[in-house]
Protein backbone atom coordinates (compact mmCIF):
# COMPACT_ATOMS: atom_id res chain seq x y z
CA MET A 1 114.78 128.59 104.68
CA SER A 2 118.48 128.25 105.83
CA ASP A 3 121.35 126.48 103.86
CA SER A 4 121.45 123.70 106.45
CA SER A 5 117.33 123.35 106.12
CA ARG A 6 118.17 123.06 102.68
CA ALA A 7 120.62 120.83 102.20
CA TYR A 8 118.70 118.55 104.92
CA TYR A 9 115.37 118.57 103.15
CA PHE A 10 117.06 117.55 99.95
CA VAL A 11 118.90 114.41 101.61
CA LEU A 12 115.90 113.52 103.02
CA THR A 13 113.89 113.80 99.51
CA LEU A 14 116.63 111.47 98.18
CA LYS A 15 116.46 109.09 100.67
CA ILE A 16 112.68 108.89 100.43
CA CYS A 17 112.61 108.07 96.69
CA ARG A 18 115.64 105.94 97.20
CA THR A 19 113.82 103.66 99.41
CA ARG A 20 110.00 103.32 97.77
CA GLY A 21 109.35 99.67 96.55
CA THR A 22 107.73 100.16 93.54
CA GLY A 23 108.71 102.23 90.88
CA ARG A 24 112.18 102.82 92.22
CA GLN A 25 113.19 102.89 88.74
CA LYS A 26 111.00 105.75 87.55
CA ASP A 27 111.92 107.88 90.78
CA THR A 28 115.54 107.47 89.73
CA MET A 29 115.09 108.34 86.17
CA ASN A 30 112.78 111.49 87.76
CA ILE A 31 116.02 112.46 89.83
CA LYS A 32 118.55 111.91 86.71
CA ARG A 33 115.95 114.24 84.76
CA HIS A 34 115.63 116.70 87.42
CA LEU A 35 119.61 117.12 87.68
CA PHE A 36 119.72 117.25 84.22
CA ILE A 37 117.42 120.29 83.92
CA ILE A 38 118.99 122.11 86.86
CA SER A 39 122.70 121.60 85.20
CA LYS A 40 121.62 123.00 82.05
CA LEU A 41 119.79 126.11 83.45
CA MET A 42 122.81 126.93 85.58
CA TYR A 43 124.51 128.57 82.65
CA GLY A 44 121.53 130.55 81.51
CA GLY A 45 117.76 130.35 80.32
CA LYS A 46 116.69 128.10 78.27
CA THR A 47 113.90 127.54 75.89
CA LEU A 48 111.54 124.15 76.16
CA GLU A 49 112.81 123.45 72.48
CA GLU A 50 116.33 124.24 73.45
CA LEU A 51 116.16 121.58 76.75
CA ASN A 52 114.63 119.28 74.55
CA SER A 53 117.42 119.15 72.06
CA LEU A 54 119.82 118.79 74.62
CA TRP A 55 117.68 116.25 76.38
CA GLU A 56 117.54 114.10 72.99
CA GLU A 57 121.30 114.09 73.05
CA SER A 58 121.89 112.74 76.42
CA ASP A 59 121.92 109.04 77.28
CA TYR A 60 118.93 109.52 79.68
CA TYR A 61 116.65 110.58 76.52
CA ASP A 62 112.96 108.27 76.98
CA GLY A 63 110.91 110.81 74.67
CA GLU A 64 110.35 114.59 74.48
CA ILE A 65 109.79 116.70 77.20
CA THR A 66 106.14 118.22 76.61
CA PRO A 67 105.08 121.25 78.12
CA LYS A 68 102.81 119.64 80.76
CA SER A 69 105.76 117.18 81.77
CA PHE A 70 108.00 120.30 82.04
CA TRP A 71 105.45 122.05 84.12
CA ARG A 72 105.37 119.08 86.52
CA TYR A 73 109.00 118.41 86.87
CA LYS A 74 109.24 122.54 87.67
CA ASN A 75 107.08 121.48 90.27
CA ASP A 76 109.02 118.67 91.60
CA ILE A 77 112.40 120.43 91.18
CA ALA A 78 110.90 123.42 93.64
CA ASP A 79 109.62 120.56 95.90
CA ALA A 80 112.76 118.34 96.24
CA PHE A 81 115.43 121.19 95.64
CA GLN A 82 113.82 124.08 96.90
CA LEU A 83 114.82 125.83 93.51
CA ASP A 84 112.62 127.69 91.54
CA ILE A 85 112.18 127.69 87.63
CA GLU A 86 110.61 131.21 86.37
CA TYR A 87 109.11 131.40 82.76
CA ASN A 88 110.68 134.98 81.27
CA ALA A 89 107.65 135.98 78.97
CA SER A 90 109.73 138.72 77.05
CA SER A 91 112.57 136.37 76.11
CA LYS A 92 110.63 133.10 76.12
CA LEU A 93 113.37 131.23 78.69
CA TYR A 94 112.73 129.14 81.65
CA GLU A 95 115.60 130.69 83.86
CA LEU A 96 116.87 128.98 87.17
CA GLN A 97 116.48 131.43 90.02
CA ASP A 98 119.06 131.26 92.94
CA VAL A 99 122.16 130.21 90.45
CA GLU A 100 124.67 131.48 93.44
CA TYR A 101 122.72 129.35 95.96
CA ILE A 102 123.48 126.53 94.02
CA LYS A 103 127.13 127.43 93.17
CA SER A 104 127.85 127.82 97.24
CA ASN A 105 126.30 124.86 98.30
CA ARG A 106 128.73 122.09 98.04
CA LEU A 107 126.26 119.17 98.38
CA LEU A 108 123.94 120.46 95.74
CA SER A 109 127.31 121.23 93.43
CA TYR A 110 128.92 117.41 94.30
CA ILE A 111 125.42 116.18 93.10
CA LEU A 112 125.24 117.95 90.00
CA LEU A 113 128.94 117.17 89.37
CA SER A 114 128.07 113.51 89.90
CA HIS A 115 125.42 113.49 87.49
CA GLN A 116 127.29 115.51 84.72
CA LEU A 117 130.56 113.17 85.04
CA PRO A 118 129.39 109.90 83.02
CA GLU A 119 128.10 112.95 80.33
CA LEU A 120 131.67 114.18 80.12
CA CYS A 121 133.47 110.78 80.19
CA LEU A 122 131.31 110.09 77.00
CA ILE A 123 132.23 113.40 75.20
CA VAL A 124 136.00 112.91 75.79
CA ALA A 125 135.53 109.09 74.49
CA LYS A 126 134.17 110.51 71.29
CA HIS A 127 136.84 113.03 70.82
CA LYS A 128 139.64 111.07 71.83
CA ASP A 129 141.06 109.94 68.53
CA LYS A 130 140.57 113.17 66.97
């Protein structure tokens, strides 16, 4: 799939999620969860326990990410963002495939940065007086 097709598909998916009537808050939370997972796996593989630890520290925390839930999120990320997350059995890590595509795609990079900005602001505020 070409970069422009991926970008179009991604924007279309966001529009569909945004225009649903019921469950809109749940859809928004799922997108935030998906972006959280992508942003954490961009910088190297993580175990589910590591992802849960990072998730617990985030503002989005609403309960543990179970293996069954993670499998669903993994499939949703593949559908919505055309990104694959593979499990490496030898290292027991979940790894994001095609990281270079994410870094080179301006739209996806912008969306991920926008997602991370509130988290960065909280970190700065916590350490402002130190």
